[in-house]
């Protein structure tokens, strides 16, 4: 006795898959992969490299406090000492509330 989910039902107008159809599909997939590889290497001009360098420099000079604004502060290795405000290990600002600590999702 077969379970109902094992029985395969075909549509009335479905054609059987032939070997030619499989070969044709495989060739199309290989051509699409070759096209994807060639698109990734189109940055060959000097202007493209300079713009990439400029973007890298701009992102490298972003202040670390921006991460603290977005995600919260990181607790120092000494932990939270009662009666004192610990300072963020990234930006150095005092942490006044545990809700200001870093979470995995943005705070806004």
N, C-alpha and C. Protein backbone atom coordinates (compact mmCIF):
# COMPACT_ATOMS: atom_id res chain seq x y z
N UNK A 1 0.84 -1.17 0.00
CA UNK A 1 0.00 0.00 0.00
C UNK A 1 0.89 1.25 0.00
N UNK A 2 0.56 2.19 -0.87
CA UNK A 2 1.32 3.42 -0.99
C UNK A 2 0.65 4.54 -0.20
N UNK A 3 1.51 5.41 0.34
CA UNK A 3 0.98 6.60 0.98
C UNK A 3 0.58 7.58 -0.12
N UNK A 4 -0.39 8.41 0.12
CA UNK A 4 -0.92 9.30 -0.92
C UNK A 4 0.12 10.27 -1.46
N UNK A 5 1.05 10.75 -0.63
CA UNK A 5 2.02 11.74 -1.10
C UNK A 5 3.06 11.13 -2.04
N UNK A 6 3.19 9.80 -2.06
CA UNK A 6 4.16 9.16 -2.92
C UNK A 6 3.64 9.04 -4.34
N UNK A 7 2.36 8.95 -4.51
CA UNK A 7 1.76 8.80 -5.83
C UNK A 7 1.91 10.11 -6.60
N UNK A 8 2.53 10.04 -7.78
CA UNK A 8 2.75 11.21 -8.60
C UNK A 8 1.60 11.34 -9.59
N UNK A 9 0.98 12.49 -9.62
CA UNK A 9 -0.11 12.72 -10.56
C UNK A 9 0.39 13.65 -11.64
N UNK A 10 0.18 13.29 -12.88
CA UNK A 10 0.60 14.11 -14.00
C UNK A 10 -0.58 14.90 -14.54
N UNK A 11 -0.26 16.08 -15.04
CA UNK A 11 -1.29 16.88 -15.68
C UNK A 11 -1.67 16.22 -17.00
N UNK A 12 -2.88 16.45 -17.42
CA UNK A 12 -3.37 15.80 -18.64
C UNK A 12 -2.60 16.24 -19.88
N UNK A 13 -2.15 17.50 -19.93
CA UNK A 13 -1.47 18.00 -21.12
C UNK A 13 0.06 18.00 -20.97
N UNK A 14 0.61 17.33 -19.94
CA UNK A 14 2.05 17.31 -19.71
C UNK A 14 2.73 16.38 -20.71
N UNK A 15 3.88 16.88 -21.28
CA UNK A 15 4.65 16.05 -22.20
C UNK A 15 5.76 15.34 -21.43
N UNK A 16 6.14 14.17 -21.83
CA UNK A 16 7.26 13.50 -21.16
C UNK A 16 8.57 14.23 -21.48
N UNK A 17 9.50 14.21 -20.53
CA UNK A 17 10.79 14.87 -20.70
C UNK A 17 11.68 13.98 -21.54
N UNK A 18 12.22 14.57 -22.61
CA UNK A 18 13.08 13.79 -23.51
C UNK A 18 14.55 14.13 -23.25
N UNK A 19 15.42 13.31 -23.81
CA UNK A 19 16.86 13.53 -23.66
C UNK A 19 17.29 14.82 -24.34
N UNK A 20 16.67 15.15 -25.47
CA UNK A 20 16.99 16.39 -26.18
C UNK A 20 16.65 17.62 -25.34
N UNK A 21 15.54 17.56 -24.63
CA UNK A 21 15.14 18.68 -23.78
C UNK A 21 16.16 18.88 -22.64
N UNK A 22 16.66 17.80 -22.07
CA UNK A 22 17.64 17.89 -21.00
C UNK A 22 18.95 18.47 -21.52
N UNK A 23 19.40 18.01 -22.68
CA UNK A 23 20.64 18.52 -23.28
C UNK A 23 20.51 20.01 -23.60
N UNK A 24 19.38 20.41 -24.16
CA UNK A 24 19.14 21.81 -24.49
C UNK A 24 19.14 22.67 -23.23
N UNK A 25 18.51 22.21 -22.17
CA UNK A 25 18.47 22.95 -20.92
C UNK A 25 19.86 23.08 -20.31
N UNK A 26 20.65 22.02 -20.39
CA UNK A 26 22.00 22.04 -19.86
C UNK A 26 22.87 23.05 -20.62
N UNK A 27 22.74 23.10 -21.95
CA UNK A 27 23.51 24.06 -22.75
C UNK A 27 23.13 25.50 -22.42
N UNK A 28 21.83 25.75 -22.24
CA UNK A 28 21.38 27.10 -21.88
C UNK A 28 21.92 27.52 -20.52
N UNK A 29 21.94 26.59 -19.58
CA UNK A 29 22.45 26.89 -18.25
C UNK A 29 23.95 27.19 -18.29
N UNK A 30 24.70 26.45 -19.08
CA UNK A 30 26.14 26.68 -19.19
C UNK A 30 26.41 28.04 -19.84
N UNK A 31 25.62 28.42 -20.85
CA UNK A 31 25.80 29.74 -21.47
C UNK A 31 25.48 30.85 -20.49
N UNK A 32 24.45 30.66 -19.66
CA UNK A 32 24.10 31.67 -18.67
C UNK A 32 25.20 31.82 -17.63
N UNK A 33 25.82 30.71 -17.22
CA UNK A 33 26.93 30.78 -16.26
C UNK A 33 28.13 31.50 -16.85
N UNK A 34 28.44 31.25 -18.12
CA UNK A 34 29.55 31.94 -18.78
C UNK A 34 29.28 33.44 -18.86
N UNK A 35 28.03 33.81 -19.12
CA UNK A 35 27.68 35.22 -19.21
C UNK A 35 27.81 35.89 -17.85
N UNK A 36 27.39 35.20 -16.78
CA UNK A 36 27.51 35.77 -15.43
C UNK A 36 28.97 35.99 -15.07
N UNK A 37 29.85 35.06 -15.44
CA UNK A 37 31.27 35.21 -15.14
C UNK A 37 31.88 36.38 -15.90
N UNK A 38 31.48 36.58 -17.15
CA UNK A 38 32.07 37.66 -17.94
C UNK A 38 31.57 39.02 -17.48
N UNK A 39 30.36 39.11 -16.95
CA UNK A 39 29.83 40.39 -16.49
C UNK A 39 30.59 40.86 -15.26
N UNK A 40 31.05 39.96 -14.42
CA UNK A 40 31.76 40.34 -13.21
C UNK A 40 33.11 40.97 -13.46
N UNK A 41 33.72 40.78 -14.62
CA UNK A 41 35.06 41.28 -14.89
C UNK A 41 35.06 42.43 -15.89
N UNK A 42 34.05 43.28 -15.87
CA UNK A 42 33.99 44.37 -16.82
C UNK A 42 34.72 45.62 -16.36
N UNK A 43 35.20 45.67 -15.14
CA UNK A 43 35.90 46.86 -14.63
C UNK A 43 37.34 46.81 -15.10
N UNK A 44 37.59 47.34 -16.27
CA UNK A 44 38.94 47.30 -16.80
C UNK A 44 39.52 48.68 -17.04
N UNK A 45 38.71 49.72 -16.99
CA UNK A 45 39.25 51.05 -17.27
C UNK A 45 39.86 51.66 -16.01
N UNK A 46 40.70 52.64 -16.20
CA UNK A 46 41.35 53.32 -15.10
C UNK A 46 40.32 54.06 -14.25
N UNK A 47 39.30 54.61 -14.89
CA UNK A 47 38.25 55.35 -14.17
C UNK A 47 37.52 54.42 -13.19
N UNK A 48 37.24 53.18 -13.60
CA UNK A 48 36.57 52.23 -12.71
C UNK A 48 37.42 51.94 -11.48
N UNK A 49 38.70 51.76 -11.68
CA UNK A 49 39.59 51.47 -10.55
C UNK A 49 39.71 52.67 -9.62
N UNK A 50 39.77 53.87 -10.18
CA UNK A 50 39.84 55.07 -9.34
C UNK A 50 38.56 55.28 -8.54
N UNK A 51 37.42 55.02 -9.16
CA UNK A 51 36.16 55.18 -8.42
C UNK A 51 36.05 54.13 -7.31
N UNK A 52 36.54 52.92 -7.55
CA UNK A 52 36.54 51.90 -6.51
C UNK A 52 37.45 52.29 -5.36
N UNK A 53 38.62 52.85 -5.69
CA UNK A 53 39.55 53.30 -4.66
C UNK A 53 38.95 54.42 -3.83
N UNK A 54 38.28 55.36 -4.48
CA UNK A 54 37.64 56.48 -3.79
C UNK A 54 36.55 55.97 -2.85
N UNK A 55 35.75 55.03 -3.30
CA UNK A 55 34.69 54.46 -2.47
C UNK A 55 35.30 53.75 -1.27
N UNK A 56 36.36 53.00 -1.48
CA UNK A 56 37.04 52.30 -0.39
C UNK A 56 37.57 53.29 0.65
N UNK A 57 38.13 54.39 0.19
CA UNK A 57 38.66 55.39 1.12
C UNK A 57 37.54 56.04 1.91
N UNK A 58 36.42 56.35 1.26
CA UNK A 58 35.31 56.98 1.98
C UNK A 58 34.74 56.07 3.05
N UNK A 59 34.55 54.80 2.73
CA UNK A 59 34.00 53.88 3.71
C UNK A 59 35.01 53.58 4.81
N UNK A 60 36.29 53.65 4.52
CA UNK A 60 37.30 53.41 5.54
C UNK A 60 37.40 54.54 6.54
N UNK A 61 37.00 55.75 6.15
CA UNK A 61 37.11 56.91 7.03
C UNK A 61 35.83 57.18 7.81
N UNK A 62 34.83 56.31 7.72
CA UNK A 62 33.60 56.50 8.48
C UNK A 62 33.88 56.36 9.97
N UNK A 63 33.30 57.20 10.78
CA UNK A 63 33.56 57.09 12.22
C UNK A 63 32.93 55.82 12.80
N UNK A 64 33.61 55.25 13.80
CA UNK A 64 33.08 54.04 14.42
C UNK A 64 31.83 54.34 15.23
N UNK A 65 31.67 55.59 15.66
CA UNK A 65 30.50 55.92 16.46
C UNK A 65 29.22 55.75 15.65
N UNK A 66 29.31 55.77 14.32
CA UNK A 66 28.12 55.54 13.50
C UNK A 66 27.56 54.15 13.76
N UNK A 67 28.43 53.17 13.94
CA UNK A 67 27.98 51.83 14.29
C UNK A 67 27.29 51.84 15.65
N UNK A 68 27.82 52.62 16.58
CA UNK A 68 27.22 52.69 17.91
C UNK A 68 25.85 53.37 17.85
N UNK A 69 25.71 54.36 16.98
CA UNK A 69 24.42 55.03 16.83
C UNK A 69 23.39 54.06 16.25
N UNK A 70 23.81 53.29 15.28
CA UNK A 70 22.87 52.39 14.61
C UNK A 70 22.54 51.15 15.43
N UNK A 71 23.57 50.47 15.95
CA UNK A 71 23.36 49.18 16.60
C UNK A 71 23.46 49.21 18.12
N UNK A 72 24.02 50.26 18.69
CA UNK A 72 24.19 50.34 20.13
C UNK A 72 25.65 50.23 20.51
N UNK A 73 25.94 50.48 21.78
CA UNK A 73 27.31 50.45 22.28
C UNK A 73 27.72 49.03 22.66
N UNK A 74 29.05 48.81 22.70
CA UNK A 74 29.57 47.52 23.14
C UNK A 74 30.10 47.66 24.56
N UNK A 75 29.80 46.70 25.39
CA UNK A 75 30.21 46.71 26.78
C UNK A 75 31.69 46.36 26.88
N UNK A 76 32.46 47.07 27.70
CA UNK A 76 33.87 46.73 27.83
C UNK A 76 34.06 45.38 28.51
N UNK A 77 35.28 44.85 28.43
CA UNK A 77 35.54 43.52 28.98
C UNK A 77 35.41 43.48 30.50
N UNK A 78 35.56 44.63 31.18
CA UNK A 78 35.41 44.65 32.64
C UNK A 78 33.96 44.45 33.07
N UNK A 79 33.03 44.68 32.17
CA UNK A 79 31.61 44.49 32.48
C UNK A 79 30.99 45.73 33.10
N UNK A 80 29.79 45.54 33.65
CA UNK A 80 29.03 46.64 34.22
C UNK A 80 29.25 46.62 35.72
N UNK A 81 29.90 47.65 36.24
CA UNK A 81 30.15 47.76 37.67
C UNK A 81 29.07 48.66 38.26
N UNK A 82 28.43 48.19 39.33
CA UNK A 82 27.31 48.94 39.91
C UNK A 82 27.80 50.26 40.49
N UNK A 83 27.05 51.31 40.20
CA UNK A 83 27.40 52.64 40.69
C UNK A 83 28.28 53.43 39.72
N UNK A 84 28.77 52.80 38.66
CA UNK A 84 29.61 53.48 37.67
C UNK A 84 28.98 53.33 36.29
N UNK A 85 29.25 54.30 35.45
CA UNK A 85 28.81 54.20 34.07
C UNK A 85 29.98 53.67 33.24
N UNK A 86 29.84 52.49 32.64
CA UNK A 86 30.94 51.99 31.80
C UNK A 86 31.01 52.78 30.50
N UNK A 87 32.18 52.79 29.88
CA UNK A 87 32.36 53.48 28.61
C UNK A 87 32.36 52.46 27.48
N UNK A 88 31.80 52.86 26.36
CA UNK A 88 31.75 51.99 25.18
C UNK A 88 33.18 51.69 24.72
N UNK A 89 33.44 50.44 24.38
CA UNK A 89 34.79 50.08 23.95
C UNK A 89 35.09 50.56 22.53
N UNK A 90 34.07 50.93 21.76
CA UNK A 90 34.29 51.42 20.39
C UNK A 90 34.45 52.94 20.34
N UNK A 91 33.48 53.67 20.91
CA UNK A 91 33.51 55.12 20.76
C UNK A 91 33.89 55.85 22.03
N UNK A 92 33.87 55.20 23.19
CA UNK A 92 34.29 55.83 24.43
C UNK A 92 33.22 56.61 25.15
N UNK A 93 31.99 56.63 24.67
CA UNK A 93 30.92 57.36 25.34
C UNK A 93 30.41 56.56 26.54
N UNK A 94 29.99 57.23 27.62
CA UNK A 94 29.46 56.50 28.77
C UNK A 94 28.09 55.88 28.45
N UNK A 95 27.88 54.67 28.95
CA UNK A 95 26.62 53.95 28.74
C UNK A 95 25.80 54.12 30.00
N UNK A 96 24.62 54.73 29.89
CA UNK A 96 23.82 55.00 31.08
C UNK A 96 22.69 54.00 31.28
N UNK A 97 22.31 53.26 30.25
CA UNK A 97 21.18 52.35 30.37
C UNK A 97 21.51 51.04 29.63
N UNK A 98 21.12 49.88 30.15
CA UNK A 98 21.38 48.62 29.44
C UNK A 98 20.70 48.54 28.07
N UNK A 99 19.67 49.34 27.83
CA UNK A 99 19.01 49.33 26.52
C UNK A 99 19.90 49.93 25.43
N UNK A 100 20.95 50.65 25.82
CA UNK A 100 21.86 51.24 24.84
C UNK A 100 22.90 50.25 24.32
N UNK A 101 22.92 49.04 24.88
CA UNK A 101 23.92 48.05 24.45
C UNK A 101 23.58 47.49 23.07
N UNK A 102 24.59 46.99 22.41
CA UNK A 102 24.47 46.51 21.03
C UNK A 102 23.59 45.28 20.94
N UNK A 103 22.74 45.30 19.94
CA UNK A 103 21.88 44.16 19.63
C UNK A 103 22.15 43.74 18.20
N UNK A 104 21.56 42.63 17.78
CA UNK A 104 21.83 42.15 16.43
C UNK A 104 21.07 42.94 15.37
N UNK A 105 20.01 43.62 15.75
CA UNK A 105 19.21 44.40 14.79
C UNK A 105 19.40 45.89 15.06
N UNK A 106 19.24 46.73 14.04
CA UNK A 106 19.32 48.17 14.25
C UNK A 106 18.26 48.64 15.26
N UNK A 107 18.58 49.69 15.97
CA UNK A 107 17.70 50.16 17.03
C UNK A 107 16.53 50.98 16.51
N UNK A 108 16.56 51.47 15.27
CA UNK A 108 15.46 52.29 14.77
C UNK A 108 14.68 51.61 13.76
